[in-house]
Protein backbone atom coordinates (compact mmCIF):
# COMPACT_ATOMS: atom_id res chain seq x y z
CA UNK A 1 92.73 76.84 113.34
CA UNK A 2 94.34 75.71 110.08
CA UNK A 3 97.39 77.62 108.87
CA UNK A 4 98.08 78.48 105.22
CA UNK A 5 101.80 79.19 104.89
CA UNK A 6 103.90 81.23 102.53
CA UNK A 7 105.97 78.94 100.30
CA UNK A 8 109.52 80.23 99.90
CA UNK A 9 111.28 78.13 97.27
CA UNK A 10 108.66 75.50 98.02
CA UNK A 11 109.31 75.46 101.78
CA UNK A 12 106.52 76.49 104.22
CA UNK A 13 107.03 79.71 106.17
CA UNK A 14 104.90 81.09 109.02
CA UNK A 15 104.80 84.88 109.00
CA UNK A 16 104.31 87.09 112.03
CA UNK A 17 101.54 88.84 110.10
CA UNK A 18 98.51 86.67 109.36
CA UNK A 19 94.92 87.27 108.30
CA UNK A 20 91.90 85.14 109.13
CA UNK A 21 89.78 83.70 106.33
CA UNK A 22 86.13 83.43 107.35
CA UNK A 23 83.32 81.25 106.08
CA UNK A 24 80.71 82.84 103.85
CA UNK A 25 77.45 83.15 105.76
CA UNK A 26 78.57 82.15 109.29
CA UNK A 27 81.71 84.38 109.36
CA UNK A 28 83.42 81.72 111.45
CA UNK A 29 87.20 81.58 111.18
CA UNK A 30 88.37 78.90 108.72
CA UNK A 31 92.12 79.44 108.48
CA UNK A 32 94.96 81.81 109.26
CA UNK A 33 96.93 82.85 106.19
CA UNK A 34 100.52 84.02 106.58
CA UNK A 35 101.28 87.26 104.76
CA UNK A 36 104.45 88.01 102.80
CA UNK A 37 105.66 91.61 102.92
CA UNK A 38 107.29 93.30 99.89
CA UNK A 39 110.77 93.08 101.43
CA UNK A 40 110.53 89.31 101.86
CA UNK A 41 109.29 88.91 98.29
CA UNK A 42 112.11 91.09 96.91
CA UNK A 43 114.65 89.06 98.89
CA UNK A 44 113.33 85.78 97.50
CA UNK A 45 113.19 87.11 93.92
CA UNK A 46 116.93 87.76 94.05
CA UNK A 47 117.38 83.97 94.00
CA UNK A 48 115.19 83.52 90.88
CA UNK A 49 118.12 82.69 88.54
CA UNK A 50 119.19 79.81 90.80
CA UNK A 51 115.59 78.58 91.03
CA UNK A 52 115.34 78.56 87.25
CA UNK A 53 118.53 76.53 86.95
CA UNK A 54 116.86 73.83 89.06
CA UNK A 55 114.10 73.56 86.43
CA UNK A 56 116.52 73.74 83.51
CA UNK A 57 118.29 70.67 84.88
CA UNK A 58 115.23 68.66 83.79
CA UNK A 59 114.18 68.08 80.21
CA UNK A 60 110.78 69.22 78.97
CA UNK A 61 109.88 65.55 78.56
CA UNK A 62 110.68 64.96 82.24
CA UNK A 63 108.61 67.99 83.24
CA UNK A 64 105.67 66.73 81.19
CA UNK A 65 105.85 63.52 83.20
CA UNK A 66 105.90 65.59 86.39
CA UNK A 67 102.72 67.33 85.23
CA UNK A 68 101.03 64.01 84.46
CA UNK A 69 101.84 62.70 87.94
CA UNK A 70 100.75 66.02 89.47
CA UNK A 71 97.33 65.64 87.81
CA UNK A 72 96.77 62.46 89.81
CA UNK A 73 98.10 64.02 93.02
CA UNK A 74 95.95 67.13 92.63
CA UNK A 75 92.74 65.18 92.01
CA UNK A 76 93.10 62.34 94.49
CA UNK A 77 95.89 62.68 97.07
CA UNK A 78 96.06 64.02 100.61
CA UNK A 79 98.59 66.82 100.05
CA UNK A 80 100.41 69.02 102.56
CA UNK A 81 98.59 72.14 103.65
CA UNK A 82 101.38 73.21 105.98
CA UNK A 83 104.18 70.63 105.91
CA UNK A 84 105.91 72.32 108.85
CA UNK A 85 102.86 71.63 111.03
CA UNK A 86 102.08 68.24 109.49
CA UNK A 87 98.60 69.26 108.26
CA UNK A 88 97.27 67.73 105.06
CA UNK A 89 94.31 68.32 102.80
CA UNK A 90 92.26 65.64 101.02
CA UNK A 91 90.30 66.46 97.84
CA UNK A 92 87.10 66.65 99.90
CA UNK A 93 88.80 68.98 102.39
CA UNK A 94 89.89 71.15 99.48
CA UNK A 95 86.34 71.45 98.13
CA UNK A 96 84.92 72.16 101.59
CA UNK A 97 87.45 74.91 102.35
CA UNK A 98 87.24 76.51 98.93
CA UNK A 99 83.45 76.61 99.07
CA UNK A 100 83.49 78.01 102.60
CA UNK A 101 85.70 81.02 101.85
CA UNK A 102 84.68 81.85 98.25
CA UNK A 103 80.94 81.10 98.31
CA UNK A 104 81.22 78.77 95.33
CA UNK A 105 78.96 75.72 95.64
CA UNK A 106 80.57 72.30 95.87
CA UNK A 107 79.43 71.50 92.33
CA UNK A 108 81.42 74.38 90.82
CA UNK A 109 84.45 73.70 93.04
CA UNK A 110 84.61 70.14 91.74
CA UNK A 111 84.08 71.23 88.13
CA UNK A 112 86.95 73.70 88.35
CA UNK A 113 89.09 71.07 90.05
CA UNK A 114 88.59 68.88 87.00
CA UNK A 115 89.69 71.73 84.69
CA UNK A 116 92.98 71.97 86.56
CA UNK A 117 93.47 68.19 86.55
CA UNK A 118 92.80 68.03 82.81
CA UNK A 119 95.38 70.70 81.96
CA UNK A 120 98.04 69.02 84.09
CA UNK A 121 97.27 65.64 82.52
CA UNK A 122 97.18 67.01 78.96
CA UNK A 123 100.14 69.39 79.24
CA UNK A 124 101.88 68.05 76.13
CA UNK A 125 98.80 68.86 74.06
CA UNK A 126 98.51 72.30 75.70
CA UNK A 127 102.14 73.12 74.87
CA UNK A 128 101.62 71.89 71.32
CA UNK A 129 98.93 74.51 70.89
CA UNK A 130 100.86 77.31 72.61
CA UNK A 131 104.07 76.66 70.64
CA UNK A 132 102.34 75.79 67.35
CA UNK A 133 103.95 72.38 67.21
CA UNK A 134 107.51 73.35 68.17
CA UNK A 135 109.79 70.41 68.89
CA UNK A 136 110.08 71.03 72.63
CA UNK A 137 113.65 69.73 72.71
CA UNK A 138 114.48 73.24 71.51
CA UNK A 139 113.94 74.41 75.10
CA UNK A 140 116.41 71.78 76.35
CA UNK A 141 119.23 72.52 73.87
CA UNK A 142 118.49 76.16 73.10
CA UNK A 143 118.04 75.38 69.40
CA UNK A 144 116.89 72.55 67.15
CA UNK A 145 116.70 71.59 63.49
CA UNK A 146 113.03 71.39 62.53
CA UNK A 147 111.52 71.21 59.04
CA UNK A 148 114.90 71.89 57.45
CA UNK A 149 115.65 75.05 59.43
CA UNK A 150 117.34 75.94 62.68
CA UNK A 151 114.93 77.22 65.34
CA UNK A 152 116.04 78.87 68.58
CA UNK A 153 114.05 80.46 71.42
CA UNK A 154 115.39 82.56 74.29
CA UNK A 155 113.68 82.71 77.70
CA UNK A 156 112.67 86.20 78.78
CA UNK A 157 112.29 85.64 82.53
CA UNK A 158 113.78 83.80 85.49
CA UNK A 159 110.29 83.67 87.02
CA UNK A 160 106.67 84.20 86.01
CA UNK A 161 104.72 86.28 88.51
CA UNK A 162 100.98 85.63 88.73
CA UNK A 163 98.58 87.97 90.53
CA UNK A 164 95.57 85.70 90.88
CA UNK A 165 91.82 86.20 91.43
CA UNK A 166 89.32 84.65 93.83
CA UNK A 167 86.37 84.48 91.45
CA UNK A 168 86.97 81.36 89.33
CA UNK A 169 89.56 78.68 90.16
CA UNK A 170 89.57 77.44 86.56
CA UNK A 171 91.77 80.37 85.48
CA UNK A 172 94.68 78.87 87.39
CA UNK A 173 95.04 76.48 84.47
CA UNK A 174 96.48 79.38 82.48
CA UNK A 175 99.75 79.75 84.40
CA UNK A 176 100.49 76.06 85.07
CA UNK A 177 102.27 75.53 81.67
CA UNK A 178 105.12 77.79 82.87
CA UNK A 179 106.59 74.85 84.81
CA UNK A 180 106.73 72.61 81.74
CA UNK A 181 108.26 75.59 79.88
CA UNK A 182 111.05 75.69 82.50
CA UNK A 183 110.03 78.99 84.11
CA UNK A 184 109.55 79.08 87.94
CA UNK A 185 106.37 80.51 89.42
CA UNK A 186 105.82 83.33 91.91
CA UNK A 187 102.15 83.17 92.87
CA UNK A 188 100.09 85.76 94.71
CA UNK A 189 96.71 84.10 95.46
CA UNK A 190 93.36 85.87 95.67
CA UNK A 191 92.45 86.76 99.23
CA UNK A 192 89.54 84.33 99.57
CA UNK A 193 91.01 81.60 97.37
CA UNK A 194 94.52 80.51 98.36
CA UNK A 195 93.46 76.87 98.09
CA UNK A 196 93.85 76.14 94.37
CA UNK A 197 97.31 77.64 93.71
CA UNK A 198 98.66 76.12 96.94
CA UNK A 199 97.28 72.68 96.09
CA UNK A 200 98.69 72.87 92.54
CA UNK A 201 102.11 73.78 93.96
CA UNK A 202 102.00 70.90 96.45
CA UNK A 203 100.86 68.46 93.75
CA UNK A 204 103.78 69.49 91.53
CA UNK A 205 106.25 69.08 94.40
CA UNK A 206 104.81 65.66 95.24
CA UNK A 207 105.18 64.70 91.58
CA UNK A 208 108.90 65.55 91.51
CA UNK A 209 109.03 69.21 90.48
CA UNK A 210 112.02 71.02 92.04
CA UNK A 211 110.48 72.83 95.00
CA UNK A 212 112.67 75.87 94.33
CA UNK A 213 110.55 76.56 91.25
CA UNK A 214 107.41 77.26 93.32
CA UNK A 215 106.83 80.41 95.32
CA UNK A 216 103.47 81.14 96.97
CA UNK A 217 103.03 84.59 98.53
CA UNK A 218 99.71 85.64 100.07
CA UNK A 219 100.18 89.39 100.30
CA UNK A 220 98.63 92.84 99.97
CA UNK A 221 98.72 95.37 97.11
CA UNK A 222 102.29 96.35 97.98
CA UNK A 223 103.43 92.75 97.73
CA UNK A 224 101.56 92.29 94.44
CA UNK A 225 103.29 95.36 93.04
CA UNK A 226 106.66 93.99 94.12
CA UNK A 227 105.96 90.78 92.18
CA UNK A 228 104.96 92.72 89.07
CA UNK A 229 108.06 94.92 89.31
CA UNK A 230 110.46 92.14 90.27
CA UNK A 231 109.50 89.47 87.72
CA UNK A 232 110.56 89.97 84.12
CA UNK A 233 107.22 88.48 83.04
CA UNK A 234 103.89 88.37 84.91
CA UNK A 235 100.19 87.62 84.50
CA UNK A 236 97.74 89.96 86.25
CA UNK A 237 94.10 89.00 86.81
CA UNK A 238 91.83 91.79 88.02
CA UNK A 239 88.93 94.10 87.34
CA UNK A 240 89.08 96.87 84.76
CA UNK A 241 90.24 99.59 87.17
CA UNK A 242 92.93 97.39 88.75
CA UNK A 243 94.64 96.20 85.56
CA UNK A 244 94.38 99.55 83.77
CA UNK A 245 97.46 100.97 85.55
CA UNK A 246 99.60 98.26 83.93
CA UNK A 247 98.21 98.57 80.41
CA UNK A 248 101.04 99.09 77.95
CA UNK A 249 103.61 97.37 80.18
CA UNK A 250 104.91 94.60 77.93
CA UNK A 251 106.21 92.53 80.85
CA UNK A 252 102.69 92.12 82.27
CA UNK A 253 100.02 90.06 80.50
CA UNK A 254 96.65 91.47 81.59
CA UNK A 255 93.54 89.37 82.22
CA UNK A 256 90.66 91.72 82.97
CA UNK A 257 86.94 91.55 82.20
CA UNK A 258 86.16 89.59 79.05
CA UNK A 259 82.95 91.26 77.84
CA UNK A 260 82.34 88.00 75.95
CA UNK A 261 79.35 87.81 73.62
CA UNK A 262 77.00 85.60 71.66
CA UNK A 263 76.27 87.01 68.19
CA UNK A 264 73.53 85.81 65.85
CA UNK A 265 74.17 86.73 62.24
CA UNK A 266 71.53 88.16 59.91
CA UNK A 267 71.00 84.74 58.34
CA UNK A 268 70.55 82.94 61.70
CA UNK A 269 68.62 85.39 63.85
CA UNK A 270 65.16 84.30 62.61
CA UNK A 271 65.97 80.83 63.98
CA UNK A 272 66.97 82.20 67.41
CA UNK A 273 64.87 79.72 69.42
CA UNK A 274 67.22 76.89 68.44
CA UNK A 275 70.07 78.62 70.22
CA UNK A 276 68.49 79.56 73.56
CA UNK A 277 70.25 76.69 75.35
CA UNK A 278 73.65 77.79 74.05
CA UNK A 279 72.95 81.37 75.12
CA UNK A 280 71.88 80.30 78.60
CA UNK A 281 74.99 78.14 79.04
CA UNK A 282 77.22 80.98 77.85
CA UNK A 283 75.75 83.32 80.45
CA UNK A 284 75.24 81.04 83.44
CA UNK A 285 77.88 78.28 83.37
CA UNK A 286 80.34 78.39 86.31
CA UNK A 287 77.96 80.71 88.12
CA UNK A 288 78.61 83.47 85.57
CA UNK A 289 81.93 84.23 87.29
CA UNK A 290 84.36 83.77 84.38
CA UNK A 291 85.66 86.20 81.79
CA UNK A 292 84.49 83.70 79.16
CA UNK A 293 80.87 83.95 80.33
CA UNK A 294 78.74 85.99 77.93
CA UNK A 295 77.79 89.42 79.20
CA UNK A 296 76.00 90.25 75.98
CA UNK A 297 73.82 88.75 73.25
CA UNK A 298 74.07 90.93 70.14
CA UNK A 299 71.58 90.53 67.31
CA UNK A 300 70.40 92.47 64.23
CA UNK A 301 66.70 91.68 64.90
CA UNK A 302 64.23 90.01 67.32
CA UNK A 303 66.04 91.50 70.33
CA UNK A 304 63.02 91.86 72.58
CA UNK A 305 61.66 88.40 71.74
CA UNK A 306 65.03 86.81 72.49
CA UNK A 307 65.31 88.76 75.75
CA UNK A 308 61.87 87.62 76.90
CA UNK A 309 62.53 83.93 76.18
CA UNK A 310 66.06 83.94 77.55
CA UNK A 311 65.06 85.94 80.61
CA UNK A 312 62.36 83.40 81.42
CA UNK A 313 64.90 80.57 81.27
CA UNK A 314 67.46 82.35 83.43
CA UNK A 315 64.82 83.26 86.01
CA UNK A 316 64.33 79.55 86.73
CA UNK A 317 67.86 79.28 88.18
CA UNK A 318 67.47 79.35 91.95
CA UNK A 319 69.87 80.13 94.76
CA UNK A 320 70.47 76.89 96.67
CA UNK A 321 72.59 75.92 99.69
CA UNK A 322 76.26 75.58 98.74
CA UNK A 323 76.26 71.84 99.39
CA UNK A 324 73.19 71.14 97.21
CA UNK A 325 73.87 68.81 94.27
CA UNK A 326 72.10 71.16 91.85
CA UNK A 327 73.57 74.43 93.15
CA UNK A 328 74.63 76.63 90.23
CA UNK A 329 75.06 80.06 91.83
CA UNK A 330 77.88 81.31 94.04
CA UNK A 331 77.28 83.35 97.17
CA UNK A 332 78.99 86.68 97.75
CA UNK A 333 81.58 86.55 100.57
CA UNK A 334 80.60 90.13 101.49
CA UNK A 335 76.80 90.63 101.40
CA UNK A 336 77.28 94.39 101.09
CA UNK A 337 78.93 93.89 97.71
CA UNK A 338 75.87 92.02 96.41
CA UNK A 339 73.60 94.88 97.50
CA UNK A 340 75.90 97.49 95.93
CA UNK A 341 75.98 95.60 92.62
CA UNK A 342 72.19 95.33 92.58
CA UNK A 343 71.82 99.04 93.34
CA UNK A 344 74.28 99.86 90.55
CA UNK A 345 72.12 97.95 88.06
CA UNK A 346 68.91 99.59 89.28
CA UNK A 347 70.42 103.08 89.09
CA UNK A 348 71.33 102.54 85.44
CA UNK A 349 67.90 101.08 84.69
CA UNK A 350 66.19 104.14 86.15
CA UNK A 351 68.04 106.30 83.61
CA UNK A 352 65.92 104.64 80.89
CA UNK A 353 66.66 102.80 77.68
CA UNK A 354 66.95 99.37 79.30
CA UNK A 355 64.74 96.88 81.12
CA UNK A 356 65.37 94.00 83.55
CA UNK A 357 63.42 91.26 81.75
CA UNK A 358 64.06 88.61 84.42
CA UNK A 359 62.37 90.74 87.10
CA UNK A 360 58.92 89.86 85.76
CA UNK A 361 59.62 86.13 85.84
CA UNK A 362 61.41 85.61 89.14
CA UNK A 363 58.69 87.23 91.26
CA UNK A 364 61.10 88.57 93.90
CA UNK A 365 64.07 90.85 94.30
CA UNK A 366 67.48 90.29 92.76
CA UNK A 367 69.26 89.87 96.11
CA UNK A 368 68.26 86.79 98.13
CA UNK A 369 69.53 85.05 101.24
CA UNK A 370 69.62 81.25 101.45
CA UNK A 371 71.08 79.24 104.31
CA UNK A 372 72.73 82.37 105.69
CA UNK A 373 74.45 83.21 102.37
CA UNK A 374 73.72 86.16 100.07
CA UNK A 375 73.20 85.61 96.33
CA UNK A 376 72.39 87.67 93.25
CA UNK A 377 69.84 85.97 91.00
CA UNK A 378 70.47 85.83 87.24
CA UNK A 379 69.62 89.08 85.53
CA UNK A 380 68.96 89.66 81.83
CA UNK A 381 68.65 93.18 80.48
CA UNK A 382 67.13 94.26 77.18
CA UNK A 383 68.86 97.38 75.88
CA UNK A 384 67.23 99.52 73.23
CA UNK A 385 70.41 101.50 72.65
CA UNK A 386 73.77 99.78 71.93
CA UNK A 387 75.47 102.70 73.71
CA UNK A 388 73.66 102.08 77.01
CA UNK A 389 76.21 101.49 79.83
CA UNK A 390 74.62 98.15 80.75
CA UNK A 391 75.69 96.88 77.30
CA UNK A 392 79.27 97.29 78.51
CA UNK A 393 78.89 95.84 82.00
CA UNK A 394 80.36 92.59 83.32
CA UNK A 395 79.50 91.36 86.81
CA UNK A 396 80.36 88.33 88.99
CA UNK A 397 77.07 86.48 88.56
CA UNK A 398 74.91 85.46 85.57
CA UNK A 399 74.31 88.91 84.08
CA UNK A 400 73.93 89.81 80.41
CA UNK A 401 72.32 92.32 78.09
CA UNK A 402 70.48 91.51 74.88
CA UNK A 403 71.32 94.26 72.40
CA UNK A 404 69.79 94.88 68.99
CA UNK A 405 71.90 96.76 66.47
CA UNK A 406 71.88 97.03 62.66
CA UNK A 407 73.98 94.39 60.94
CA UNK A 408 76.33 96.99 59.45
CA UNK A 409 77.04 98.47 62.92
CA UNK A 410 76.94 95.29 64.98
CA UNK A 411 80.62 94.35 65.20
CA UNK A 412 81.88 97.90 65.66
CA UNK A 413 79.24 98.71 68.28
CA UNK A 414 79.92 95.68 70.47
CA UNK A 415 83.52 96.74 71.11
CA UNK A 416 86.49 94.69 72.41
CA UNK A 417 85.52 91.11 73.24
CA UNK A 418 87.47 88.20 74.71
CA UNK A 419 85.20 85.50 73.24
CA UNK A 420 82.62 85.78 70.47
CA UNK A 421 80.39 82.80 69.71
CA UNK A 422 78.89 83.67 66.34
CA UNK A 423 76.10 81.69 64.69
CA UNK A 424 76.16 82.56 61.01
CA UNK A 425 76.84 81.09 57.58
CA UNK A 426 76.81 84.49 55.91
CA UNK A 427 80.23 84.67 54.16
CA UNK A 428 80.57 88.45 54.46
CA UNK A 429 79.63 88.46 58.14
CA UNK A 430 82.01 85.56 58.88
CA UNK A 431 84.81 87.34 57.06
CA UNK A 432 84.18 90.48 59.12
CA UNK A 433 84.35 88.43 62.33
CA UNK A 434 87.53 86.63 61.31
CA UNK A 435 89.32 89.91 60.54
CA UNK A 436 87.95 91.91 63.48
CA UNK A 437 90.70 93.10 65.83
CA UNK A 438 88.05 93.46 68.54
CA UNK A 439 87.69 89.67 68.83
CA UNK A 440 90.31 87.76 70.84
CA UNK A 441 88.79 84.24 70.61
CA UNK A 442 86.30 83.32 67.90
CA UNK A 443 83.86 80.41 67.98
CA UNK A 444 82.04 79.97 64.67
CA UNK A 445 78.85 78.03 65.26
CA UNK A 446 76.57 77.30 68.19
CA UNK A 447 79.40 76.85 70.71
CA UNK A 448 79.00 78.40 74.18
CA UNK A 449 81.45 81.19 74.94
CA UNK A 450 82.42 79.24 78.06
CA UNK A 451 83.74 76.27 76.07
CA UNK A 452 87.53 76.53 76.24
CA UNK A 453 90.03 74.61 74.15
CA UNK A 454 93.05 74.43 76.44
CA UNK A 455 95.47 73.74 73.58
CA UNK A 456 94.82 77.23 72.19
CA UNK A 457 95.91 80.60 73.59
CA UNK A 458 93.58 82.39 75.97
CA UNK A 459 93.85 86.20 76.03
CA UNK A 460 97.48 86.11 74.98
CA UNK A 461 99.95 83.29 74.39
CA UNK A 462 101.95 82.28 77.47
CA UNK A 463 104.77 80.75 75.41
CA UNK A 464 105.22 83.96 73.42
CA UNK A 465 105.09 85.90 76.69
CA UNK A 466 107.93 83.83 78.17
CA UNK A 467 110.09 83.17 75.10
CA UNK A 468 111.14 85.03 71.97
CA UNK A 469 112.51 83.54 68.82
CA UNK A 470 115.99 84.66 67.92
CA UNK A 471 118.26 84.37 64.91
CA UNK A 472 120.61 81.42 65.28
CA UNK A 473 123.31 79.99 63.00
CA UNK A 474 126.03 77.45 63.67
CA UNK A 475 128.70 75.78 61.59
CA UNK A 476 127.92 72.17 60.89
CA UNK A 477 130.85 70.91 62.98
CA UNK A 478 129.96 72.94 66.09
CA UNK A 479 126.20 72.24 65.73
CA UNK A 480 126.90 68.52 65.71
């Protein structure tokens, strides 16, 4: 059986404690994954200052070149899986293993692989967006003269911890810039998806990144807590209940449910048919598994008509074998979870005030089994009341609610939102959207919520999380 190691300062380590990853559907063993205990993690974190010095020895320009080379390695090379055992992983092996343990079809695995490759290849552009055009030599020297003023930034961490999910490999693109920003990584992968962070780490090492800057620690909740406590800055991906305990902790950047939404303004809602394709893409792209997928369509009128038309479109999406070229839905690694999610939806529907519109069009139940794997079929709800709990629900498959609310209450009623795609030319409505503190990312126009511009911040700015600007003055002779 394949072995997935811990990486301690980039070196593979086989732990006495290992778990077995099993294939979705067959439950056959795929790989043993070594587990890092909290004591081992704490021991390794004590060396973080030395690991950071290894990165600081390179210029940002050199690290950008490392990222460009890593993009090629990640996408096309046979990279070490466990260098100590001499096992390697080709890109096709990567897709096969990722699909087997996460239930994501090959099509989505390859699409997310391209997202990671793109960010590595375009790292200079990404950093330009995160730093708002800062001359990156400031991170080499500690200060720089730019636009007639002295600018200085101070690093806030010797390592960035990242508690990672299993649901959508594309999110790993969010922590990769730390390397180019000269901050080492301490990665805790999702249980079913160690493959992407490990492959990124190996691609960076193959491209010339100091291996000390890369730690990879499959672990349990205790180990995750140790990373969050031991790193001066961290990113934490999880569901609402998991991340809530860390809310208000400035050292931890939280990435929970997005509750992203499509909004049609009062001037655009009569022309709603033009935008059905954008709505469908927002809900269903990437199997509906991302925080940027729309979980709501909010409109001031025509709610039921929109729900009927959109529900009919979503009901055409079928569950297909994971290797099928047109597969668009991911299977659930644990079939019991799929059944519990479906029961949760049905319980809330029975309370009244909402209707599963897709149920009439799909002609069968929401939970289906294909090729031994369990899927949830796309589900669209029409909610008569903007306070109904299904209006505030986000689930790991294409699920959304169409909600009708008066224009004057619309933005307040929809609540906090990671991404809003708003179709409107109404100046007052646009102004309200632009100034709304409930909206993290705003797309004005018929842009799917799932369309991400990687050179702009996503749910917080990583550069501002890792660095703070400080006052800096120097006499001309000493600055020269």
